[in-house]
């Protein structure tokens, strides 16, 4: 059985006055959640908080039941979505709020990941960085179709426009995938406040330094702030090696579940 070390860190950044990101780390290292809210200061904070709380509660409640892991992840995301919609009904001023979410679970012998929006999961294996998730943005879709180049995507005015997020009546796609994790692998869950400012090359370099995961988390956040810090920055790092240890800081085969429109 592989053990893991893990840490999480969030920062408001330089240009924002409120942190609309939320994250949760299960104390036993069973699951990890990052959510990045949108829809105004109060709305974004509330949406990401509801999502993280609902996903956490659902995973805790049904962890030991017979529900398959992909169905459990789907259920947790749908409960988070409904929780945000219910809050919108009670607070019409937050009617446009929504949130991204990316989740990794270690349940049984097979790890899984799920996401919606543009918060990302990366895997670092033998000094190679791989983006596991695919952004649910119009620009990412255009890039995949070959309509724009990677350089154009970096500065495209629509690069933050999502076609899927939690907090909408129609959630058509929740991407859920088996996750291949081996001894020595490092996982990075992050909001786009990191990836908007820090290139994949720099992220890879910071992991290559061989620092403890707590130090890497701090260095990633500082790199994003030094590059402009235009958004909130949240990172979770999971390392599959050594004794299980939570680090505190200051501050494959894919299946895609598509829901038919009601």
C-alpha atoms as a PDB file:
ATOM      1  CA  UNK A   1       0.000   0.000   0.000  1.00  0.00           C
ATOM      2  CA  UNK A   2       1.372   3.376  -1.000  1.00  0.00           C
ATOM      3  CA  UNK A   3       1.438   6.159   1.541  1.00  0.00           C
ATOM      4  CA  UNK A   4       1.320   9.827   0.709  1.00  0.00           C
ATOM      5  CA  UNK A   5       2.412  13.258   1.827  1.00  0.00           C
ATOM      6  CA  UNK A   6       0.226  16.240   1.040  1.00  0.00           C
ATOM      7  CA  UNK A   7      -0.219  19.934   1.589  1.00  0.00           C
ATOM      8  CA  UNK A   8      -2.451  22.771   0.462  1.00  0.00           C
ATOM      9  CA  UNK A   9      -2.084  26.530   0.238  1.00  0.00           C
ATOM     10  CA  UNK A  10      -4.309  29.376  -0.929  1.00  0.00           C
ATOM     11  CA  UNK A  11      -3.564  33.072  -1.401  1.00  0.00           C
ATOM     12  CA  UNK A  12      -5.682  36.063  -2.404  1.00  0.00           C
ATOM     13  CA  UNK A  13      -3.020  37.201  -4.874  1.00  0.00           C
ATOM     14  CA  UNK A  14      -1.969  40.767  -5.638  1.00  0.00           C
ATOM     15  CA  UNK A  15      -4.890  42.303  -7.510  1.00  0.00           C
ATOM     16  CA  UNK A  16      -7.919  40.780  -5.770  1.00  0.00           C
ATOM     17  CA  UNK A  17      -9.235  41.910  -2.381  1.00  0.00           C
ATOM     18  CA  UNK A  18     -11.233  38.732  -1.658  1.00  0.00           C
ATOM     19  CA  UNK A  19     -10.287  35.075  -2.004  1.00  0.00           C
ATOM     20  CA  UNK A  20     -13.014  33.227  -3.925  1.00  0.00           C
ATOM     21  CA  UNK A  21     -11.069  29.938  -3.966  1.00  0.00           C
ATOM     22  CA  UNK A  22     -11.697  27.105  -1.527  1.00  0.00           C
ATOM     23  CA  UNK A  23      -9.911  23.828  -0.961  1.00  0.00           C
ATOM     24  CA  UNK A  24     -10.249  20.833   1.312  1.00  0.00           C
ATOM     25  CA  UNK A  25      -7.814  18.078   2.222  1.00  0.00           C
ATOM     26  CA  UNK A  26      -9.139  14.971   3.941  1.00  0.00           C
ATOM     27  CA  UNK A  27      -7.049  14.531   7.112  1.00  0.00           C
ATOM     28  CA  UNK A  28      -6.405  10.884   6.223  1.00  0.00           C
ATOM     29  CA  UNK A  29      -5.358  11.735   2.665  1.00  0.00           C
ATOM     30  CA  UNK A  30      -8.311   9.950   1.066  1.00  0.00           C
ATOM     31  CA  UNK A  31      -9.471  12.854  -1.097  1.00  0.00           C
ATOM     32  CA  UNK A  32      -8.549  16.368  -2.177  1.00  0.00           C
ATOM     33  CA  UNK A  33     -10.746  19.220  -3.476  1.00  0.00           C
ATOM     34  CA  UNK A  34     -10.043  22.581  -5.142  1.00  0.00           C
ATOM     35  CA  UNK A  35     -12.869  24.962  -6.135  1.00  0.00           C
ATOM     36  CA  UNK A  36     -12.586  28.385  -7.787  1.00  0.00           C
ATOM     37  CA  UNK A  37     -15.701  30.537  -7.449  1.00  0.00           C
ATOM     38  CA  UNK A  38     -17.044  33.272  -9.711  1.00  0.00           C
ATOM     39  CA  UNK A  39     -19.946  35.699  -9.719  1.00  0.00           C
ATOM     40  CA  UNK A  40     -18.885  38.675  -7.626  1.00  0.00           C
ATOM     41  CA  UNK A  41     -17.119  38.757  -4.265  1.00  0.00           C
ATOM     42  CA  UNK A  42     -19.897  37.271  -2.138  1.00  0.00           C
ATOM     43  CA  UNK A  43     -21.164  34.961  -4.873  1.00  0.00           C
ATOM     44  CA  UNK A  44     -17.811  33.464  -5.780  1.00  0.00           C
ATOM     45  CA  UNK A  45     -16.841  32.862  -2.175  1.00  0.00           C
ATOM     46  CA  UNK A  46     -20.173  31.248  -1.412  1.00  0.00           C
ATOM     47  CA  UNK A  47     -20.236  29.037  -4.517  1.00  0.00           C
ATOM     48  CA  UNK A  48     -16.770  27.564  -3.967  1.00  0.00           C
ATOM     49  CA  UNK A  49     -17.450  27.081  -0.256  1.00  0.00           C
ATOM     50  CA  UNK A  50     -20.739  25.288  -0.931  1.00  0.00           C
ATOM     51  CA  UNK A  51     -19.100  23.071  -3.553  1.00  0.00           C
ATOM     52  CA  UNK A  52     -16.171  22.066  -1.355  1.00  0.00           C
ATOM     53  CA  UNK A  53     -18.484  21.396   1.601  1.00  0.00           C
ATOM     54  CA  UNK A  54     -21.059  19.401  -0.370  1.00  0.00           C
ATOM     55  CA  UNK A  55     -18.432  17.296  -2.130  1.00  0.00           C
ATOM     56  CA  UNK A  56     -16.632  16.632   1.159  1.00  0.00           C
ATOM     57  CA  UNK A  57     -19.847  15.642   2.938  1.00  0.00           C
ATOM     58  CA  UNK A  58     -20.990  13.361   0.135  1.00  0.00           C
ATOM     59  CA  UNK A  59     -17.639  11.582  -0.073  1.00  0.00           C
ATOM     60  CA  UNK A  60     -17.532  11.121   3.707  1.00  0.00           C
ATOM     61  CA  UNK A  61     -21.122   9.882   3.872  1.00  0.00           C
ATOM     62  CA  UNK A  62     -20.890   7.277   1.116  1.00  0.00           C
ATOM     63  CA  UNK A  63     -17.187   6.398   1.253  1.00  0.00           C
ATOM     64  CA  UNK A  64     -17.694   2.903   2.692  1.00  0.00           C
ATOM     65  CA  UNK A  65     -20.806   1.988   0.710  1.00  0.00           C
ATOM     66  CA  UNK A  66     -20.954  -0.180  -2.406  1.00  0.00           C
ATOM     67  CA  UNK A  67     -21.410   2.759  -4.780  1.00  0.00           C
ATOM     68  CA  UNK A  68     -18.670   2.639  -7.479  1.00  0.00           C
ATOM     69  CA  UNK A  69     -16.144   5.448  -7.264  1.00  0.00           C
ATOM     70  CA  UNK A  70     -17.160   7.069 -10.551  1.00  0.00           C
ATOM     71  CA  UNK A  71     -20.789   7.155  -9.446  1.00  0.00           C
ATOM     72  CA  UNK A  72     -19.783   8.519  -6.060  1.00  0.00           C
ATOM     73  CA  UNK A  73     -17.885  11.347  -7.715  1.00  0.00           C
ATOM     74  CA  UNK A  74     -20.814  12.076 -10.013  1.00  0.00           C
ATOM     75  CA  UNK A  75     -23.176  12.142  -7.031  1.00  0.00           C
ATOM     76  CA  UNK A  76     -20.907  14.482  -5.077  1.00  0.00           C
ATOM     77  CA  UNK A  77     -20.651  16.950  -7.979  1.00  0.00           C
ATOM     78  CA  UNK A  78     -24.399  16.901  -8.594  1.00  0.00           C
ATOM     79  CA  UNK A  79     -25.109  17.506  -4.910  1.00  0.00           C
ATOM     80  CA  UNK A  80     -22.678  20.426  -4.995  1.00  0.00           C
ATOM     81  CA  UNK A  81     -24.413  21.790  -8.077  1.00  0.00           C
ATOM     82  CA  UNK A  82     -27.832  21.523  -6.443  1.00  0.00           C
ATOM     83  CA  UNK A  83     -26.530  23.138  -3.263  1.00  0.00           C
ATOM     84  CA  UNK A  84     -25.421  26.196  -5.221  1.00  0.00           C
ATOM     85  CA  UNK A  85     -28.723  26.367  -7.118  1.00  0.00           C
ATOM     86  CA  UNK A  86     -30.658  26.186  -3.833  1.00  0.00           C
ATOM     87  CA  UNK A  87     -28.590  29.043  -2.452  1.00  0.00           C
ATOM     88  CA  UNK A  88     -29.250  31.098  -5.590  1.00  0.00           C
ATOM     89  CA  UNK A  89     -32.994  30.709  -4.998  1.00  0.00           C
ATOM     90  CA  UNK A  90     -32.625  31.965  -1.420  1.00  0.00           C
ATOM     91  CA  UNK A  91     -30.289  34.791  -2.439  1.00  0.00           C
ATOM     92  CA  UNK A  92     -31.247  36.158  -5.884  1.00  0.00           C
ATOM     93  CA  UNK A  93     -28.359  38.630  -5.709  1.00  0.00           C
ATOM     94  CA  UNK A  94     -26.061  35.626  -6.101  1.00  0.00           C
ATOM     95  CA  UNK A  95     -27.972  34.237  -9.062  1.00  0.00           C
ATOM     96  CA  UNK A  96     -24.997  34.272 -11.433  1.00  0.00           C
ATOM     97  CA  UNK A  97     -22.513  32.634  -9.077  1.00  0.00           C
ATOM     98  CA  UNK A  98     -20.772  29.405 -10.004  1.00  0.00           C
ATOM     99  CA  UNK A  99     -17.587  27.498  -9.384  1.00  0.00           C
ATOM    100  CA  UNK A 100     -15.078  25.126 -10.890  1.00  0.00           C
ATOM    101  CA  UNK A 101     -14.044  21.975  -9.043  1.00  0.00           C
ATOM    102  CA  UNK A 102     -11.298  19.393  -9.339  1.00  0.00           C
ATOM    103  CA  UNK A 103     -11.202  16.345  -7.063  1.00  0.00           C
ATOM    104  CA  UNK A 104      -8.877  13.381  -6.570  1.00  0.00           C
ATOM    105  CA  UNK A 105      -9.894  10.367  -4.493  1.00  0.00           C
ATOM    106  CA  UNK A 106      -7.882   7.362  -3.292  1.00  0.00           C
ATOM    107  CA  UNK A 107     -10.580   4.745  -2.670  1.00  0.00           C
ATOM    108  CA  UNK A 108      -9.760   1.066  -2.828  1.00  0.00           C
ATOM    109  CA  UNK A 109      -7.030   0.052  -5.243  1.00  0.00           C
ATOM    110  CA  UNK A 110      -7.982   2.535  -7.981  1.00  0.00           C
ATOM    111  CA  UNK A 111      -7.549   6.324  -7.649  1.00  0.00           C
ATOM    112  CA  UNK A 112     -10.008   8.533  -9.550  1.00  0.00           C
ATOM    113  CA  UNK A 113     -10.266  12.176 -10.518  1.00  0.00           C
ATOM    114  CA  UNK A 114     -13.158  14.394 -11.537  1.00  0.00           C
ATOM    115  CA  UNK A 115     -13.442  17.991 -12.657  1.00  0.00           C
ATOM    116  CA  UNK A 116     -15.604  20.700 -14.134  1.00  0.00           C
ATOM    117  CA  UNK A 117     -14.365  24.108 -15.294  1.00  0.00           C
ATOM    118  CA  UNK A 118     -10.731  25.136 -15.632  1.00  0.00           C
ATOM    119  CA  UNK A 119      -9.166  24.176 -12.318  1.00  0.00           C
ATOM    120  CA  UNK A 120      -6.547  21.607 -13.210  1.00  0.00           C
ATOM    121  CA  UNK A 121      -4.912  18.363 -12.170  1.00  0.00           C
ATOM    122  CA  UNK A 122      -1.294  17.730 -13.150  1.00  0.00           C
ATOM    123  CA  UNK A 123       0.848  14.638 -12.607  1.00  0.00           C
ATOM    124  CA  UNK A 124       4.628  14.858 -12.302  1.00  0.00           C
ATOM    125  CA  UNK A 125       6.352  11.539 -13.003  1.00  0.00           C
ATOM    126  CA  UNK A 126      10.090  11.152 -13.459  1.00  0.00           C
ATOM    127  CA  UNK A 127      10.463  14.923 -13.924  1.00  0.00           C
ATOM    128  CA  UNK A 128       7.802  15.003 -16.654  1.00  0.00           C
ATOM    129  CA  UNK A 129       4.776  17.249 -16.158  1.00  0.00           C
ATOM    130  CA  UNK A 130       1.461  16.102 -17.633  1.00  0.00           C
ATOM    131  CA  UNK A 131      -1.848  17.948 -17.535  1.00  0.00           C
ATOM    132  CA  UNK A 132      -4.446  15.302 -16.726  1.00  0.00           C
ATOM    133  CA  UNK A 133      -7.612  17.396 -16.957  1.00  0.00           C
ATOM    134  CA  UNK A 134      -8.863  19.339 -19.938  1.00  0.00           C
ATOM    135  CA  UNK A 135     -10.138  22.890 -19.381  1.00  0.00           C
ATOM    136  CA  UNK A 136     -13.845  23.433 -19.957  1.00  0.00           C
ATOM    137  CA  UNK A 137     -13.313  26.765 -21.697  1.00  0.00           C
ATOM    138  CA  UNK A 138     -14.248  27.898 -25.172  1.00  0.00           C
ATOM    139  CA  UNK A 139     -10.597  28.652 -25.883  1.00  0.00           C
ATOM    140  CA  UNK A 140      -9.487  25.137 -24.893  1.00  0.00           C
ATOM    141  CA  UNK A 141     -12.152  23.717 -27.169  1.00  0.00           C
ATOM    142  CA  UNK A 142     -11.021  25.977 -30.050  1.00  0.00           C
ATOM    143  CA  UNK A 143      -7.399  24.948 -29.443  1.00  0.00           C
ATOM    144  CA  UNK A 144      -8.318  21.277 -29.524  1.00  0.00           C
ATOM    145  CA  UNK A 145     -10.209  21.785 -32.789  1.00  0.00           C
ATOM    146  CA  UNK A 146      -7.212  23.567 -34.305  1.00  0.00           C
ATOM    147  CA  UNK A 147      -9.045  26.867 -34.702  1.00  0.00           C
ATOM    148  CA  UNK A 148      -6.395  28.795 -32.736  1.00  0.00           C
ATOM    149  CA  UNK A 149      -2.748  28.234 -31.865  1.00  0.00           C
ATOM    150  CA  UNK A 150      -1.340  27.627 -28.390  1.00  0.00           C
ATOM    151  CA  UNK A 151       0.244  31.086 -28.448  1.00  0.00           C
ATOM    152  CA  UNK A 152      -3.082  32.679 -29.361  1.00  0.00           C
ATOM    153  CA  UNK A 153      -4.790  30.754 -26.564  1.00  0.00           C
ATOM    154  CA  UNK A 154      -2.473  32.261 -23.946  1.00  0.00           C
ATOM    155  CA  UNK A 155      -3.760  35.779 -24.548  1.00  0.00           C
ATOM    156  CA  UNK A 156      -7.201  35.186 -26.050  1.00  0.00           C
ATOM    157  CA  UNK A 157      -9.842  37.470 -24.452  1.00  0.00           C
ATOM    158  CA  UNK A 158     -12.188  34.492 -24.018  1.00  0.00           C
ATOM    159  CA  UNK A 159      -9.641  32.240 -22.328  1.00  0.00           C
ATOM    160  CA  UNK A 160     -11.519  32.403 -19.001  1.00  0.00           C
ATOM    161  CA  UNK A 161     -15.001  31.886 -20.447  1.00  0.00           C
ATOM    162  CA  UNK A 162     -16.300  28.513 -19.220  1.00  0.00           C
ATOM    163  CA  UNK A 163     -18.822  26.361 -21.026  1.00  0.00           C
ATOM    164  CA  UNK A 164     -19.311  24.219 -17.917  1.00  0.00           C
ATOM    165  CA  UNK A 165     -19.285  24.974 -14.180  1.00  0.00           C
ATOM    166  CA  UNK A 166     -21.203  24.106 -11.037  1.00  0.00           C
ATOM    167  CA  UNK A 167     -24.175  26.325 -10.241  1.00  0.00           C
ATOM    168  CA  UNK A 168     -26.140  25.815 -13.455  1.00  0.00           C
ATOM    169  CA  UNK A 169     -29.396  23.935 -14.025  1.00  0.00           C
ATOM    170  CA  UNK A 170     -27.893  22.161 -17.016  1.00  0.00           C
ATOM    171  CA  UNK A 171     -24.692  20.333 -16.086  1.00  0.00           C
ATOM    172  CA  UNK A 172     -24.120  18.307 -19.224  1.00  0.00           C
ATOM    173  CA  UNK A 173     -20.607  16.998 -18.674  1.00  0.00           C
ATOM    174  CA  UNK A 174     -18.754  15.963 -15.554  1.00  0.00           C
ATOM    175  CA  UNK A 175     -15.410  14.501 -16.532  1.00  0.00           C
ATOM    176  CA  UNK A 176     -14.515  11.511 -14.395  1.00  0.00           C
ATOM    177  CA  UNK A 177     -11.448   9.359 -15.004  1.00  0.00           C
ATOM    178  CA  UNK A 178      -9.415   6.563 -13.520  1.00  0.00           C
ATOM    179  CA  UNK A 179      -6.113   8.030 -12.405  1.00  0.00           C
ATOM    180  CA  UNK A 180      -2.843   6.182 -12.860  1.00  0.00           C
ATOM    181  CA  UNK A 181      -0.645   6.850  -9.800  1.00  0.00           C
ATOM    182  CA  UNK A 182       2.673   5.146  -9.126  1.00  0.00           C
ATOM    183  CA  UNK A 183       5.206   5.306  -6.329  1.00  0.00           C
ATOM    184  CA  UNK A 184       7.103   8.585  -6.579  1.00  0.00           C
ATOM    185  CA  UNK A 185       4.392  10.416  -8.525  1.00  0.00           C
ATOM    186  CA  UNK A 186       3.478  13.955  -7.512  1.00  0.00           C
ATOM    187  CA  UNK A 187       0.018  15.412  -8.125  1.00  0.00           C
ATOM    188  CA  UNK A 188      -0.862  19.090  -8.363  1.00  0.00           C
ATOM    189  CA  UNK A 189      -4.436  20.326  -8.070  1.00  0.00           C
ATOM    190  CA  UNK A 190      -4.722  24.066  -8.710  1.00  0.00           C
ATOM    191  CA  UNK A 191      -6.970  26.977  -9.601  1.00  0.00           C
ATOM    192  CA  UNK A 192      -6.306  29.023 -12.718  1.00  0.00           C
ATOM    193  CA  UNK A 193      -4.760  31.750 -10.583  1.00  0.00           C
ATOM    194  CA  UNK A 194      -1.613  29.618 -10.780  1.00  0.00           C
ATOM    195  CA  UNK A 195      -1.745  28.554 -14.422  1.00  0.00           C
ATOM    196  CA  UNK A 196      -2.698  31.995 -15.720  1.00  0.00           C
ATOM    197  CA  UNK A 197       0.574  33.396 -14.358  1.00  0.00           C
ATOM    198  CA  UNK A 198       2.995  30.459 -14.260  1.00  0.00           C
ATOM    199  CA  UNK A 199       3.895  28.417 -17.334  1.00  0.00           C
ATOM    200  CA  UNK A 200       3.981  24.626 -17.355  1.00  0.00           C
ATOM    201  CA  UNK A 201       7.744  24.873 -17.844  1.00  0.00           C
ATOM    202  CA  UNK A 202       8.148  26.871 -14.635  1.00  0.00           C
ATOM    203  CA  UNK A 203       5.839  24.557 -12.700  1.00  0.00           C
ATOM    204  CA  UNK A 204       7.916  21.598 -13.854  1.00  0.00           C
ATOM    205  CA  UNK A 205      11.134  23.374 -12.840  1.00  0.00           C
ATOM    206  CA  UNK A 206       9.836  24.092  -9.334  1.00  0.00           C
ATOM    207  CA  UNK A 207       9.038  20.421  -8.837  1.00  0.00           C
ATOM    208  CA  UNK A 208      12.472  19.427 -10.152  1.00  0.00           C
ATOM    209  CA  UNK A 209      14.188  21.285  -7.305  1.00  0.00           C
ATOM    210  CA  UNK A 210      13.400  18.365  -5.003  1.00  0.00           C
ATOM    211  CA  UNK A 211      12.009  20.517  -2.198  1.00  0.00           C
ATOM    212  CA  UNK A 212       9.458  19.149   0.302  1.00  0.00           C
ATOM    213  CA  UNK A 213       5.888  19.525  -0.931  1.00  0.00           C
ATOM    214  CA  UNK A 214       5.214  22.365   1.532  1.00  0.00           C
ATOM    215  CA  UNK A 215       8.081  24.365   0.083  1.00  0.00           C
ATOM    216  CA  UNK A 216       6.962  23.631  -3.475  1.00  0.00           C
ATOM    217  CA  UNK A 217       3.463  24.904  -2.676  1.00  0.00           C
ATOM    218  CA  UNK A 218       4.875  28.152  -1.297  1.00  0.00           C
ATOM    219  CA  UNK A 219       7.183  28.570  -4.288  1.00  0.00           C
ATOM    220  CA  UNK A 220       4.316  28.031  -6.747  1.00  0.00           C
ATOM    221  CA  UNK A 221       2.174  30.658  -5.024  1.00  0.00           C
ATOM    222  CA  UNK A 222       5.048  33.123  -4.856  1.00  0.00           C
ATOM    223  CA  UNK A 223       5.837  32.572  -8.541  1.00  0.00           C
ATOM    224  CA  UNK A 224       2.237  33.414  -9.447  1.00  0.00           C
ATOM    225  CA  UNK A 225       2.312  36.549  -7.314  1.00  0.00           C
ATOM    226  CA  UNK A 226       5.634  37.679  -8.733  1.00  0.00           C
ATOM    227  CA  UNK A 227       4.212  37.243 -12.244  1.00  0.00           C
ATOM    228  CA  UNK A 228       1.316  39.571 -11.440  1.00  0.00           C
ATOM    229  CA  UNK A 229      -0.974  37.720  -9.050  1.00  0.00           C
ATOM    230  CA  UNK A 230      -4.049  38.754 -11.034  1.00  0.00           C
ATOM    231  CA  UNK A 231      -6.293  36.121  -9.434  1.00  0.00           C
ATOM    232  CA  UNK A 232      -6.600  34.032  -6.306  1.00  0.00           C
ATOM    233  CA  UNK A 233      -4.080  31.183  -6.195  1.00  0.00           C
ATOM    234  CA  UNK A 234      -4.735  27.744  -4.713  1.00  0.00           C
ATOM    235  CA  UNK A 235      -2.581  24.629  -4.866  1.00  0.00           C
ATOM    236  CA  UNK A 236      -2.712  21.152  -3.384  1.00  0.00           C
ATOM    237  CA  UNK A 237       0.290  18.856  -3.740  1.00  0.00           C
ATOM    238  CA  UNK A 238       0.118  15.096  -3.163  1.00  0.00           C
ATOM    239  CA  UNK A 239       3.235  12.903  -3.153  1.00  0.00           C
ATOM    240  CA  UNK A 240       2.998   9.113  -3.313  1.00  0.00           C
ATOM    241  CA  UNK A 241       6.002   8.124  -1.244  1.00  0.00           C
ATOM    242  CA  UNK A 242       7.238   7.849   2.349  1.00  0.00           C
ATOM    243  CA  UNK A 243       5.079   7.841   5.443  1.00  0.00           C
ATOM    244  CA  UNK A 244       1.643   9.415   5.304  1.00  0.00           C
ATOM    245  CA  UNK A 245       2.038  12.975   6.487  1.00  0.00           C
ATOM    246  CA  UNK A 246       0.006  16.148   6.220  1.00  0.00           C
ATOM    247  CA  UNK A 247       2.212  19.209   5.798  1.00  0.00           C
ATOM    248  CA  UNK A 248       0.786  22.397   7.253  1.00  0.00           C
ATOM    249  CA  UNK A 249       1.677  25.750   5.734  1.00  0.00           C
ATOM    250  CA  UNK A 250       1.219  29.227   7.016  1.00  0.00           C
ATOM    251  CA  UNK A 251      -0.926  31.000   5.403  1.00  0.00           C
ATOM    252  CA  UNK A 252      -5.427   5.763 -18.068  1.00  0.00           C
ATOM    253  CA  UNK A 253      -8.632   5.154 -18.961  1.00  0.00           C
ATOM    254  CA  UNK A 254     -11.135   7.911 -19.074  1.00  0.00           C
ATOM    255  CA  UNK A 255     -14.878   7.766 -18.720  1.00  0.00           C
ATOM    256  CA  UNK A 256     -16.976  10.814 -19.380  1.00  0.00           C
ATOM    257  CA  UNK A 257     -20.417  11.058 -17.831  1.00  0.00           C
ATOM    258  CA  UNK A 258     -22.795  13.061 -19.970  1.00  0.00           C
ATOM    259  CA  UNK A 259     -26.145  14.102 -18.599  1.00  0.00           C
ATOM    260  CA  UNK A 260     -28.962  14.635 -21.040  1.00  0.00           C
ATOM    261  CA  UNK A 261     -30.670  18.013 -20.846  1.00  0.00           C
ATOM    262  CA  UNK A 262     -33.862  17.788 -18.847  1.00  0.00           C
END
